[in-house]
Amino acid sequence: MNIDRAVFAFAGVIVLTSLALGYLVHPAWFLLNAFAGANMLQAAFTGFCPAAKIFKLLGVQSGSAFQ
């Protein structure tokens, strides 16, 4: 798995977890979806993704989108 796929998988887990927690526990958990979406949007324009940096530190292979 490369960094690109790891970032997409992580974002998917965050979104689905937030949706489940928002539905089952408390609607405030939907704010985590807003944070994930805002982070993906800024990463699309700036190329900077904190999750990609963390995955790189953990030794995940570089991808084409995130080096």
N, C-alpha and C. Protein backbone atom coordinates (compact mmCIF):
# COMPACT_ATOMS: atom_id res chain seq x y z
N MET A 1 0.86 -1.17 0.00
CA MET A 1 0.00 0.00 0.00
C MET A 1 0.90 1.23 0.00
N ASN A 2 0.55 2.21 -0.84
CA ASN A 2 1.32 3.45 -0.85
C ASN A 2 0.58 4.54 -0.05
N ILE A 3 1.24 5.69 0.07
CA ILE A 3 0.68 6.78 0.88
C ILE A 3 -0.68 7.23 0.35
N ASP A 4 -0.81 7.31 -0.97
CA ASP A 4 -2.08 7.78 -1.55
C ASP A 4 -3.25 6.90 -1.10
N ARG A 5 -3.07 5.60 -1.23
CA ARG A 5 -4.14 4.69 -0.84
C ARG A 5 -4.38 4.71 0.67
N ALA A 6 -3.31 4.85 1.43
CA ALA A 6 -3.45 4.91 2.89
C ALA A 6 -4.24 6.15 3.31
N VAL A 7 -3.97 7.29 2.65
CA VAL A 7 -4.70 8.53 2.98
C VAL A 7 -6.17 8.38 2.62
N PHE A 8 -6.47 7.82 1.44
CA PHE A 8 -7.86 7.63 1.05
C PHE A 8 -8.58 6.66 1.99
N ALA A 9 -7.90 5.58 2.38
CA ALA A 9 -8.51 4.62 3.31
C ALA A 9 -8.76 5.27 4.66
N PHE A 10 -7.79 6.05 5.14
CA PHE A 10 -7.94 6.73 6.43
C PHE A 10 -9.10 7.72 6.38
N ALA A 11 -9.19 8.49 5.31
CA ALA A 11 -10.30 9.46 5.17
C ALA A 11 -11.64 8.73 5.14
N GLY A 12 -11.70 7.61 4.44
CA GLY A 12 -12.94 6.84 4.39
C GLY A 12 -13.35 6.32 5.75
N VAL A 13 -12.38 5.84 6.51
CA VAL A 13 -12.67 5.35 7.87
C VAL A 13 -13.17 6.49 8.75
N ILE A 14 -12.54 7.65 8.65
CA ILE A 14 -12.95 8.80 9.45
C ILE A 14 -14.39 9.21 9.10
N VAL A 15 -14.69 9.29 7.82
CA VAL A 15 -16.03 9.71 7.39
C VAL A 15 -17.09 8.71 7.84
N LEU A 16 -16.85 7.42 7.60
CA LEU A 16 -17.85 6.42 7.97
C LEU A 16 -18.02 6.32 9.49
N THR A 17 -16.92 6.42 10.23
CA THR A 17 -17.00 6.39 11.69
C THR A 17 -17.78 7.59 12.21
N SER A 18 -17.49 8.76 11.63
CA SER A 18 -18.19 9.97 12.06
C SER A 18 -19.69 9.89 11.77
N LEU A 19 -20.03 9.34 10.62
CA LEU A 19 -21.45 9.18 10.30
C LEU A 19 -22.15 8.24 11.28
N ALA A 20 -21.49 7.13 11.59
CA ALA A 20 -22.09 6.17 12.52
C ALA A 20 -22.23 6.79 13.91
N LEU A 21 -21.17 7.47 14.39
CA LEU A 21 -21.24 8.09 15.71
C LEU A 21 -22.25 9.23 15.76
N GLY A 22 -22.36 9.98 14.66
CA GLY A 22 -23.35 11.05 14.61
C GLY A 22 -24.77 10.54 14.65
N TYR A 23 -24.99 9.40 14.03
CA TYR A 23 -26.33 8.82 13.99
C TYR A 23 -26.66 8.09 15.30
N LEU A 24 -25.68 7.36 15.84
CA LEU A 24 -25.95 6.51 16.99
C LEU A 24 -25.69 7.18 18.35
N VAL A 25 -24.75 8.13 18.41
CA VAL A 25 -24.35 8.69 19.70
C VAL A 25 -24.83 10.12 19.88
N HIS A 26 -24.32 11.03 19.04
CA HIS A 26 -24.66 12.44 19.18
C HIS A 26 -24.37 13.15 17.87
N PRO A 27 -25.25 14.05 17.43
CA PRO A 27 -25.05 14.75 16.16
C PRO A 27 -23.77 15.60 16.08
N ALA A 28 -23.18 15.94 17.20
CA ALA A 28 -21.94 16.73 17.17
C ALA A 28 -20.81 15.98 16.47
N TRP A 29 -20.89 14.66 16.39
CA TRP A 29 -19.87 13.88 15.70
C TRP A 29 -19.83 14.19 14.21
N PHE A 30 -20.89 14.76 13.66
CA PHE A 30 -20.89 15.13 12.24
C PHE A 30 -19.87 16.22 11.95
N LEU A 31 -19.44 16.94 12.96
CA LEU A 31 -18.40 17.96 12.77
C LEU A 31 -17.08 17.34 12.34
N LEU A 32 -16.85 16.10 12.71
CA LEU A 32 -15.64 15.40 12.27
C LEU A 32 -15.66 15.22 10.75
N ASN A 33 -16.84 15.01 10.18
CA ASN A 33 -16.97 14.95 8.71
C ASN A 33 -16.58 16.28 8.08
N ALA A 34 -17.01 17.36 8.69
CA ALA A 34 -16.67 18.69 8.17
C ALA A 34 -15.17 18.91 8.22
N PHE A 35 -14.52 18.48 9.30
CA PHE A 35 -13.08 18.62 9.41
C PHE A 35 -12.37 17.78 8.35
N ALA A 36 -12.82 16.55 8.15
CA ALA A 36 -12.20 15.67 7.14
C ALA A 36 -12.38 16.26 5.74
N GLY A 37 -13.56 16.77 5.46
CA GLY A 37 -13.81 17.38 4.15
C GLY A 37 -12.97 18.62 3.92
N ALA A 38 -12.86 19.46 4.93
CA ALA A 38 -12.04 20.67 4.81
C ALA A 38 -10.57 20.31 4.61
N ASN A 39 -10.11 19.29 5.31
CA ASN A 39 -8.72 18.86 5.15
C ASN A 39 -8.47 18.32 3.74
N MET A 40 -9.40 17.54 3.21
CA MET A 40 -9.25 17.03 1.84
C MET A 40 -9.26 18.16 0.82
N LEU A 41 -10.10 19.15 1.04
CA LEU A 41 -10.18 20.28 0.12
C LEU A 41 -8.89 21.09 0.13
N GLN A 42 -8.35 21.38 1.31
CA GLN A 42 -7.11 22.15 1.36
C GLN A 42 -5.95 21.33 0.81
N ALA A 43 -5.95 20.02 0.99
CA ALA A 43 -4.89 19.17 0.44
C ALA A 43 -4.93 19.17 -1.08
N ALA A 44 -6.12 19.26 -1.65
CA ALA A 44 -6.25 19.29 -3.10
C ALA A 44 -5.61 20.54 -3.69
N PHE A 45 -5.70 21.66 -2.97
CA PHE A 45 -5.16 22.92 -3.49
C PHE A 45 -3.70 23.17 -3.09
N THR A 46 -3.32 22.71 -1.89
CA THR A 46 -1.97 23.02 -1.41
C THR A 46 -0.99 21.86 -1.57
N GLY A 47 -1.50 20.64 -1.65
CA GLY A 47 -0.63 19.48 -1.73
C GLY A 47 -0.12 19.03 -0.37
N PHE A 48 -0.48 19.74 0.69
CA PHE A 48 -0.04 19.39 2.04
C PHE A 48 -1.14 18.59 2.73
N CYS A 49 -0.77 17.41 3.22
CA CYS A 49 -1.72 16.58 3.95
C CYS A 49 -1.03 16.04 5.20
N PRO A 50 -1.52 16.42 6.37
CA PRO A 50 -0.91 15.95 7.61
C PRO A 50 -0.89 14.42 7.72
N ALA A 51 -1.95 13.77 7.26
CA ALA A 51 -2.00 12.31 7.33
C ALA A 51 -0.91 11.69 6.46
N ALA A 52 -0.65 12.28 5.30
CA ALA A 52 0.40 11.76 4.42
C ALA A 52 1.77 11.89 5.08
N LYS A 53 2.00 12.98 5.79
CA LYS A 53 3.27 13.16 6.50
C LYS A 53 3.43 12.10 7.59
N ILE A 54 2.35 11.81 8.29
CA ILE A 54 2.41 10.79 9.34
C ILE A 54 2.66 9.41 8.75
N PHE A 55 1.96 9.09 7.65
CA PHE A 55 2.18 7.79 7.01
C PHE A 55 3.62 7.67 6.49
N LYS A 56 4.17 8.77 5.99
CA LYS A 56 5.56 8.75 5.52
C LYS A 56 6.51 8.46 6.68
N LEU A 57 6.26 9.08 7.83
CA LEU A 57 7.09 8.82 9.02
C LEU A 57 6.97 7.37 9.48
N LEU A 58 5.83 6.75 9.22
CA LEU A 58 5.62 5.36 9.59
C LEU A 58 6.23 4.38 8.58
N GLY A 59 6.77 4.93 7.49
CA GLY A 59 7.46 4.08 6.52
C GLY A 59 6.63 3.58 5.36
N VAL A 60 5.46 4.16 5.14
CA VAL A 60 4.64 3.76 4.00
C VAL A 60 5.27 4.29 2.72
N GLN A 61 5.22 3.51 1.64
CA GLN A 61 5.83 3.88 0.37
C GLN A 61 5.20 5.15 -0.19
N SER A 62 6.01 5.95 -0.88
CA SER A 62 5.50 7.15 -1.53
C SER A 62 4.54 6.77 -2.66
N GLY A 63 3.60 7.67 -2.94
CA GLY A 63 2.67 7.49 -4.04
C GLY A 63 2.89 8.58 -5.06
N SER A 64 1.94 8.72 -5.96
CA SER A 64 2.07 9.76 -6.99
C SER A 64 1.51 11.10 -6.55
N ALA A 65 0.53 11.09 -5.65
CA ALA A 65 -0.07 12.35 -5.21
C ALA A 65 0.69 12.94 -4.02
N PHE A 66 1.02 12.11 -3.08
CA PHE A 66 1.72 12.57 -1.88
C PHE A 66 3.09 11.92 -1.84
N GLN A 67 4.11 12.73 -1.78
CA GLN A 67 5.49 12.21 -1.79
C GLN A 67 5.99 12.01 -0.41
